[in-house]
Amino acid sequence: MPRPQLLSEFDRLQAAQESCVVEANGMKLGQLWIRSPFDRRIQYNMYSCLTILPRHQHRHLWQAEQLWASMAH
């Protein structure tokens, strides 16, 4: 996927995540459980999900920076 399209899609997904956080305001996030979309055997509460996602996104951004830096040489 071309870089501009990739960044646009990332921004769109970030906005969707931010919307979920706003909509979750006031909910008992520690009591709402979901299954991992990657492994159905794993469950976690929404508080954990909303705590993990930013760190996970940061990891992807770091990986992309490493890739782009390696391609510049």
PDB file of N, CA and C in Angstrom:
ATOM      1  N   MET A   1       0.856  -1.164   0.000  1.00  0.00           N
ATOM      2  CA  MET A   1       0.000   0.000   0.000  1.00  0.00           C
ATOM      3  C   MET A   1       0.908   1.234   0.000  1.00  0.00           C
ATOM      4  N   PRO A   2       0.630   2.206  -0.847  1.00  0.00           N
ATOM      5  CA  PRO A   2       1.444   3.428  -0.879  1.00  0.00           C
ATOM      6  C   PRO A   2       1.393   4.169   0.469  1.00  0.00           C
ATOM      7  N   ARG A   3       2.483   4.809   0.801  1.00  0.00           N
ATOM      8  CA  ARG A   3       2.608   5.485   2.095  1.00  0.00           C
ATOM      9  C   ARG A   3       1.464   6.451   2.385  1.00  0.00           C
ATOM     10  N   PRO A   4       1.081   7.351   1.454  1.00  0.00           N
ATOM     11  CA  PRO A   4      -0.032   8.278   1.766  1.00  0.00           C
ATOM     12  C   PRO A   4      -1.335   7.546   2.080  1.00  0.00           C
ATOM     13  N   GLN A   5      -1.620   6.485   1.346  1.00  0.00           N
ATOM     14  CA  GLN A   5      -2.840   5.707   1.587  1.00  0.00           C
ATOM     15  C   GLN A   5      -2.744   4.999   2.939  1.00  0.00           C
ATOM     16  N   LEU A   6      -1.568   4.473   3.255  1.00  0.00           N
ATOM     17  CA  LEU A   6      -1.355   3.797   4.534  1.00  0.00           C
ATOM     18  C   LEU A   6      -1.562   4.762   5.698  1.00  0.00           C
ATOM     19  N   LEU A   7      -1.006   5.954   5.595  1.00  0.00           N
ATOM     20  CA  LEU A   7      -1.165   6.948   6.655  1.00  0.00           C
ATOM     21  C   LEU A   7      -2.618   7.401   6.790  1.00  0.00           C
ATOM     22  N   SER A   8      -3.306   7.525   5.672  1.00  0.00           N
ATOM     23  CA  SER A   8      -4.720   7.903   5.710  1.00  0.00           C
ATOM     24  C   SER A   8      -5.547   6.824   6.409  1.00  0.00           C
ATOM     25  N   GLU A   9      -5.263   5.562   6.106  1.00  0.00           N
ATOM     26  CA  GLU A   9      -5.987   4.460   6.742  1.00  0.00           C
ATOM     27  C   GLU A   9      -5.665   4.408   8.236  1.00  0.00           C
ATOM     28  N   PHE A  10      -4.411   4.643   8.595  1.00  0.00           N
ATOM     29  CA  PHE A  10      -4.032   4.670  10.004  1.00  0.00           C
ATOM     30  C   PHE A  10      -4.802   5.774  10.734  1.00  0.00           C
ATOM     31  N   ASP A  11      -4.861   6.965  10.137  1.00  0.00           N
ATOM     32  CA  ASP A  11      -5.604   8.073  10.741  1.00  0.00           C
ATOM     33  C   ASP A  11      -7.084   7.733  10.902  1.00  0.00           C
ATOM     34  N   ARG A  12      -7.664   7.067   9.918  1.00  0.00           N
ATOM     35  CA  ARG A  12      -9.070   6.679   9.987  1.00  0.00           C
ATOM     36  C   ARG A  12      -9.307   5.705  11.142  1.00  0.00           C
ATOM     37  N   LEU A  13      -8.434   4.732  11.273  1.00  0.00           N
ATOM     38  CA  LEU A  13      -8.581   3.755  12.345  1.00  0.00           C
ATOM     39  C   LEU A  13      -8.342   4.391  13.716  1.00  0.00           C
ATOM     40  N   GLN A  14      -7.415   5.338  13.795  1.00  0.00           N
ATOM     41  CA  GLN A  14      -7.180   6.048  15.052  1.00  0.00           C
ATOM     42  C   GLN A  14      -8.419   6.832  15.464  1.00  0.00           C
ATOM     43  N   ALA A  15      -9.047   7.489  14.501  1.00  0.00           N
ATOM     44  CA  ALA A  15     -10.263   8.247  14.791  1.00  0.00           C
ATOM     45  C   ALA A  15     -11.376   7.313  15.278  1.00  0.00           C
ATOM     46  N   ALA A  16     -11.460   6.125  14.694  1.00  0.00           N
ATOM     47  CA  ALA A  16     -12.473   5.149  15.132  1.00  0.00           C
ATOM     48  C   ALA A  16     -12.201   4.718  16.571  1.00  0.00           C
ATOM     49  N   GLN A  17     -10.931   4.503  16.908  1.00  0.00           N
ATOM     50  CA  GLN A  17     -10.584   4.127  18.280  1.00  0.00           C
ATOM     51  C   GLN A  17     -10.912   5.250  19.253  1.00  0.00           C
ATOM     52  N   GLU A  18     -10.592   6.476  18.879  1.00  0.00           N
ATOM     53  CA  GLU A  18     -10.898   7.617  19.740  1.00  0.00           C
ATOM     54  C   GLU A  18     -12.404   7.720  19.962  1.00  0.00           C
ATOM     55  N   SER A  19     -13.179   7.463  18.938  1.00  0.00           N
ATOM     56  CA  SER A  19     -14.634   7.492  19.058  1.00  0.00           C
ATOM     57  C   SER A  19     -15.112   6.444  20.060  1.00  0.00           C
ATOM     58  N   CYS A  20     -14.503   5.262  20.028  1.00  0.00           N
ATOM     59  CA  CYS A  20     -14.866   4.206  20.990  1.00  0.00           C
ATOM     60  C   CYS A  20     -14.569   4.647  22.421  1.00  0.00           C
ATOM     61  N   VAL A  21     -13.453   5.319  22.615  1.00  0.00           N
ATOM     62  CA  VAL A  21     -13.090   5.782  23.955  1.00  0.00           C
ATOM     63  C   VAL A  21     -14.108   6.807  24.442  1.00  0.00           C
ATOM     64  N   VAL A  22     -14.483   7.733  23.582  1.00  0.00           N
ATOM     65  CA  VAL A  22     -15.469   8.748  23.954  1.00  0.00           C
ATOM     66  C   VAL A  22     -16.810   8.090  24.292  1.00  0.00           C
ATOM     67  N   GLU A  23     -17.227   7.133  23.464  1.00  0.00           N
ATOM     68  CA  GLU A  23     -18.503   6.457  23.702  1.00  0.00           C
ATOM     69  C   GLU A  23     -18.479   5.605  24.973  1.00  0.00           C
ATOM     70  N   ALA A  24     -17.299   5.176  25.402  1.00  0.00           N
ATOM     71  CA  ALA A  24     -17.176   4.330  26.591  1.00  0.00           C
ATOM     72  C   ALA A  24     -17.197   5.139  27.887  1.00  0.00           C
ATOM     73  N   ASN A  25     -17.197   6.443  27.785  1.00  0.00           N
ATOM     74  CA  ASN A  25     -17.183   7.288  28.973  1.00  0.00           C
ATOM     75  C   ASN A  25     -18.349   6.932  29.906  1.00  0.00           C
ATOM     76  N   GLY A  26     -18.011   6.631  31.154  1.00  0.00           N
ATOM     77  CA  GLY A  26     -19.021   6.310  32.146  1.00  0.00           C
ATOM     78  C   GLY A  26     -19.349   4.824  32.252  1.00  0.00           C
ATOM     79  N   MET A  27     -18.896   4.026  31.303  1.00  0.00           N
ATOM     80  CA  MET A  27     -19.160   2.586  31.362  1.00  0.00           C
ATOM     81  C   MET A  27     -18.200   1.905  32.338  1.00  0.00           C
ATOM     82  N   LYS A  28     -18.603   0.792  32.861  1.00  0.00           N
ATOM     83  CA  LYS A  28     -17.751   0.009  33.761  1.00  0.00           C
ATOM     84  C   LYS A  28     -16.862  -0.898  32.909  1.00  0.00           C
ATOM     85  N   LEU A  29     -15.772  -0.327  32.433  1.00  0.00           N
ATOM     86  CA  LEU A  29     -14.918  -1.007  31.467  1.00  0.00           C
ATOM     87  C   LEU A  29     -14.268  -2.273  32.020  1.00  0.00           C
ATOM     88  N   GLY A  30     -14.070  -2.335  33.309  1.00  0.00           N
ATOM     89  CA  GLY A  30     -13.491  -3.525  33.916  1.00  0.00           C
ATOM     90  C   GLY A  30     -14.453  -4.695  33.954  1.00  0.00           C
ATOM     91  N   GLN A  31     -15.734  -4.421  33.674  1.00  0.00           N
ATOM     92  CA  GLN A  31     -16.746  -5.478  33.721  1.00  0.00           C
ATOM     93  C   GLN A  31     -17.241  -5.901  32.338  1.00  0.00           C
ATOM     94  N   LEU A  32     -16.751  -5.250  31.297  1.00  0.00           N
ATOM     95  CA  LEU A  32     -17.131  -5.592  29.922  1.00  0.00           C
ATOM     96  C   LEU A  32     -16.018  -6.442  29.314  1.00  0.00           C
ATOM     97  N   TRP A  33     -16.335  -7.681  28.993  1.00  0.00           N
ATOM     98  CA  TRP A  33     -15.329  -8.623  28.506  1.00  0.00           C
ATOM     99  C   TRP A  33     -15.476  -8.871  27.010  1.00  0.00           C
ATOM    100  N   ILE A  34     -14.324  -8.996  26.333  1.00  0.00           N
ATOM    101  CA  ILE A  34     -14.307  -9.310  24.901  1.00  0.00           C
ATOM    102  C   ILE A  34     -13.301 -10.429  24.647  1.00  0.00           C
ATOM    103  N   ARG A  35     -13.458 -11.071  23.499  1.00  0.00           N
ATOM    104  CA  ARG A  35     -12.491 -12.078  23.062  1.00  0.00           C
ATOM    105  C   ARG A  35     -11.515 -11.412  22.090  1.00  0.00           C
ATOM    106  N   SER A  36     -10.301 -11.872  22.125  1.00  0.00           N
ATOM    107  CA  SER A  36      -9.304 -11.367  21.196  1.00  0.00           C
ATOM    108  C   SER A  36      -9.710 -11.703  19.768  1.00  0.00           C
ATOM    109  N   PRO A  37      -9.599 -10.746  18.844  1.00  0.00           N
ATOM    110  CA  PRO A  37      -9.906 -11.058  17.444  1.00  0.00           C
ATOM    111  C   PRO A  37      -8.836 -11.951  16.812  1.00  0.00           C
ATOM    112  N   PHE A  38      -7.699 -12.090  17.485  1.00  0.00           N
ATOM    113  CA  PHE A  38      -6.588 -12.875  16.940  1.00  0.00           C
ATOM    114  C   PHE A  38      -6.507 -14.280  17.523  1.00  0.00           C
ATOM    115  N   ASP A  39      -7.049 -14.459  18.710  1.00  0.00           N
ATOM    116  CA  ASP A  39      -7.041 -15.775  19.346  1.00  0.00           C
ATOM    117  C   ASP A  39      -8.277 -15.880  20.227  1.00  0.00           C
ATOM    118  N   ARG A  40      -9.263 -16.613  19.781  1.00  0.00           N
ATOM    119  CA  ARG A  40     -10.559 -16.709  20.473  1.00  0.00           C
ATOM    120  C   ARG A  40     -10.438 -17.274  21.883  1.00  0.00           C
ATOM    121  N   ARG A  41      -9.313 -17.903  22.214  1.00  0.00           N
ATOM    122  CA  ARG A  41      -9.127 -18.459  23.554  1.00  0.00           C
ATOM    123  C   ARG A  41      -8.807 -17.371  24.589  1.00  0.00           C
ATOM    124  N   ILE A  42      -8.411 -16.200  24.114  1.00  0.00           N
ATOM    125  CA  ILE A  42      -7.993 -15.120  25.011  1.00  0.00           C
ATOM    126  C   ILE A  42      -9.142 -14.138  25.203  1.00  0.00           C
ATOM    127  N   GLN A  43      -9.410 -13.806  26.466  1.00  0.00           N
ATOM    128  CA  GLN A  43     -10.420 -12.805  26.807  1.00  0.00           C
ATOM    129  C   GLN A  43      -9.771 -11.734  27.674  1.00  0.00           C
ATOM    130  N   TYR A  44     -10.254 -10.522  27.556  1.00  0.00           N
ATOM    131  CA  TYR A  44      -9.800  -9.438  28.415  1.00  0.00           C
ATOM    132  C   TYR A  44     -10.907  -8.399  28.502  1.00  0.00           C
ATOM    133  N   ASN A  45     -10.810  -7.556  29.531  1.00  0.00           N
ATOM    134  CA  ASN A  45     -11.856  -6.551  29.685  1.00  0.00           C
ATOM    135  C   ASN A  45     -11.541  -5.319  28.834  1.00  0.00           C
ATOM    136  N   MET A  46     -12.545  -4.483  28.679  1.00  0.00           N
ATOM    137  CA  MET A  46     -12.393  -3.303  27.820  1.00  0.00           C
ATOM    138  C   MET A  46     -11.366  -2.319  28.353  1.00  0.00           C
ATOM    139  N   TYR A  47     -11.231  -2.230  29.669  1.00  0.00           N
ATOM    140  CA  TYR A  47     -10.199  -1.357  30.217  1.00  0.00           C
ATOM    141  C   TYR A  47      -8.837  -1.804  29.716  1.00  0.00           C
ATOM    142  N   SER A  48      -8.567  -3.091  29.797  1.00  0.00           N
ATOM    143  CA  SER A  48      -7.288  -3.615  29.309  1.00  0.00           C
ATOM    144  C   SER A  48      -7.125  -3.356  27.819  1.00  0.00           C
ATOM    145  N   CYS A  49      -8.202  -3.579  27.070  1.00  0.00           N
ATOM    146  CA  CYS A  49      -8.156  -3.356  25.631  1.00  0.00           C
ATOM    147  C   CYS A  49      -7.766  -1.912  25.312  1.00  0.00           C
ATOM    148  N   LEU A  50      -8.442  -0.966  25.951  1.00  0.00           N
ATOM    149  CA  LEU A  50      -8.175   0.447  25.675  1.00  0.00           C
ATOM    150  C   LEU A  50      -6.822   0.892  26.219  1.00  0.00           C
ATOM    151  N   THR A  51      -6.246   0.120  27.118  1.00  0.00           N
ATOM    152  CA  THR A  51      -4.906   0.407  27.633  1.00  0.00           C
ATOM    153  C   THR A  51      -3.839  -0.190  26.717  1.00  0.00           C
ATOM    154  N   ILE A  52      -4.123  -1.358  26.171  1.00  0.00           N
ATOM    155  CA  ILE A  52      -3.163  -2.060  25.313  1.00  0.00           C
ATOM    156  C   ILE A  52      -3.070  -1.418  23.930  1.00  0.00           C
ATOM    157  N   LEU A  53      -4.183  -0.992  23.375  1.00  0.00           N
ATOM    158  CA  LEU A  53      -4.199  -0.500  21.993  1.00  0.00           C
ATOM    159  C   LEU A  53      -3.200   0.620  21.709  1.00  0.00           C
ATOM    160  N   PRO A  54      -3.110   1.660  22.523  1.00  0.00           N
ATOM    161  CA  PRO A  54      -2.140   2.710  22.209  1.00  0.00           C
ATOM    162  C   PRO A  54      -0.695   2.191  22.199  1.00  0.00           C
ATOM    163  N   ARG A  55      -0.375   1.300  23.109  1.00  0.00           N
ATOM    164  CA  ARG A  55       0.980   0.736  23.132  1.00  0.00           C
ATOM    165  C   ARG A  55       1.234  -0.129  21.900  1.00  0.00           C
ATOM    166  N   HIS A  56       0.205  -0.859  21.499  1.00  0.00           N
ATOM    167  CA  HIS A  56       0.306  -1.693  20.308  1.00  0.00           C
ATOM    168  C   HIS A  56       0.501  -0.815  19.064  1.00  0.00           C
ATOM    169  N   GLN A  57      -0.263   0.259  18.977  1.00  0.00           N
ATOM    170  CA  GLN A  57      -0.131   1.193  17.855  1.00  0.00           C
ATOM    171  C   GLN A  57       1.259   1.816  17.830  1.00  0.00           C
ATOM    172  N   HIS A  58       1.769   2.168  18.999  1.00  0.00           N
ATOM    173  CA  HIS A  58       3.107   2.755  19.086  1.00  0.00           C
ATOM    174  C   HIS A  58       4.145   1.790  18.521  1.00  0.00           C
ATOM    175  N   ARG A  59       3.984   0.507  18.834  1.00  0.00           N
ATOM    176  CA  ARG A  59       4.894  -0.518  18.319  1.00  0.00           C
ATOM    177  C   ARG A  59       4.832  -0.563  16.792  1.00  0.00           C
ATOM    178  N   HIS A  60       3.636  -0.501  16.216  1.00  0.00           N
ATOM    179  CA  HIS A  60       3.514  -0.512  14.755  1.00  0.00           C
ATOM    180  C   HIS A  60       4.157   0.730  14.141  1.00  0.00           C
ATOM    181  N   LEU A  61       3.979   1.874  14.756  1.00  0.00           N
ATOM    182  CA  LEU A  61       4.608   3.093  14.241  1.00  0.00           C
ATOM    183  C   LEU A  61       6.123   2.978  14.285  1.00  0.00           C
ATOM    184  N   TRP A  62       6.647   2.441  15.368  1.00  0.00           N
ATOM    185  CA  TRP A  62       8.091   2.249  15.490  1.00  0.00           C
ATOM    186  C   TRP A  62       8.585   1.311  14.391  1.00  0.00           C
ATOM    187  N   GLN A  63       7.859   0.215  14.145  1.00  0.00           N
ATOM    188  CA  GLN A  63       8.245  -0.728  13.097  1.00  0.00           C
ATOM    189  C   GLN A  63       8.242  -0.051  11.723  1.00  0.00           C
ATOM    190  N   ALA A  64       7.230   0.761  11.463  1.00  0.00           N
ATOM    191  CA  ALA A  64       7.163   1.468  10.182  1.00  0.00           C
ATOM    192  C   ALA A  64       8.326   2.439  10.039  1.00  0.00           C
ATOM    193  N   GLU A  65       8.656   3.149  11.097  1.00  0.00           N
ATOM    194  CA  GLU A  65       9.807   4.068  11.052  1.00  0.00           C
ATOM    195  C   GLU A  65      11.090   3.317  10.760  1.00  0.00           C
ATOM    196  N   GLN A  66      11.257   2.153  11.372  1.00  0.00           N
ATOM    197  CA  GLN A  66      12.456   1.344  11.132  1.00  0.00           C
ATOM    198  C   GLN A  66      12.523   0.900   9.667  1.00  0.00           C
ATOM    199  N   LEU A  67      11.394   0.481   9.123  1.00  0.00           N
ATOM    200  CA  LEU A  67      11.350   0.045   7.743  1.00  0.00           C
ATOM    201  C   LEU A  67      11.683   1.197   6.796  1.00  0.00           C
ATOM    202  N   TRP A  68      11.030   2.355   6.997  1.00  0.00           N
ATOM    203  CA  TRP A  68      11.290   3.496   6.124  1.00  0.00           C
ATOM    204  C   TRP A  68      12.731   3.958   6.227  1.00  0.00           C
ATOM    205  N   ALA A  69      13.307   3.910   7.424  1.00  0.00           N
ATOM    206  CA  ALA A  69      14.706   4.308   7.597  1.00  0.00           C
ATOM    207  C   ALA A  69      15.626   3.335   6.849  1.00  0.00           C
ATOM    208  N   SER A  70      15.317   2.057   6.900  1.00  0.00           N
ATOM    209  CA  SER A  70      16.162   1.066   6.210  1.00  0.00           C
ATOM    210  C   SER A  70      16.046   1.199   4.691  1.00  0.00           C
ATOM    211  N   MET A  71      14.913   1.656   4.197  1.00  0.00           N
ATOM    212  CA  MET A  71      14.725   1.816   2.760  1.00  0.00           C
ATOM    213  C   MET A  71      15.389   3.086   2.249  1.00  0.00           C
ATOM    214  N   ALA A  72      15.673   4.020   3.140  1.00  0.00           N
ATOM    215  CA  ALA A  72      16.299   5.288   2.725  1.00  0.00           C
ATOM    216  C   ALA A  72      17.777   5.113   2.404  1.00  0.00           C
ATOM    217  N   HIS A  73      18.371   4.026   2.852  1.00  0.00           N
ATOM    218  CA  HIS A  73      19.816   3.813   2.631  1.00  0.00           C
ATOM    219  C   HIS A  73      20.076   2.956   1.441  1.00  0.00           C
TER     220      HIS A  73
END
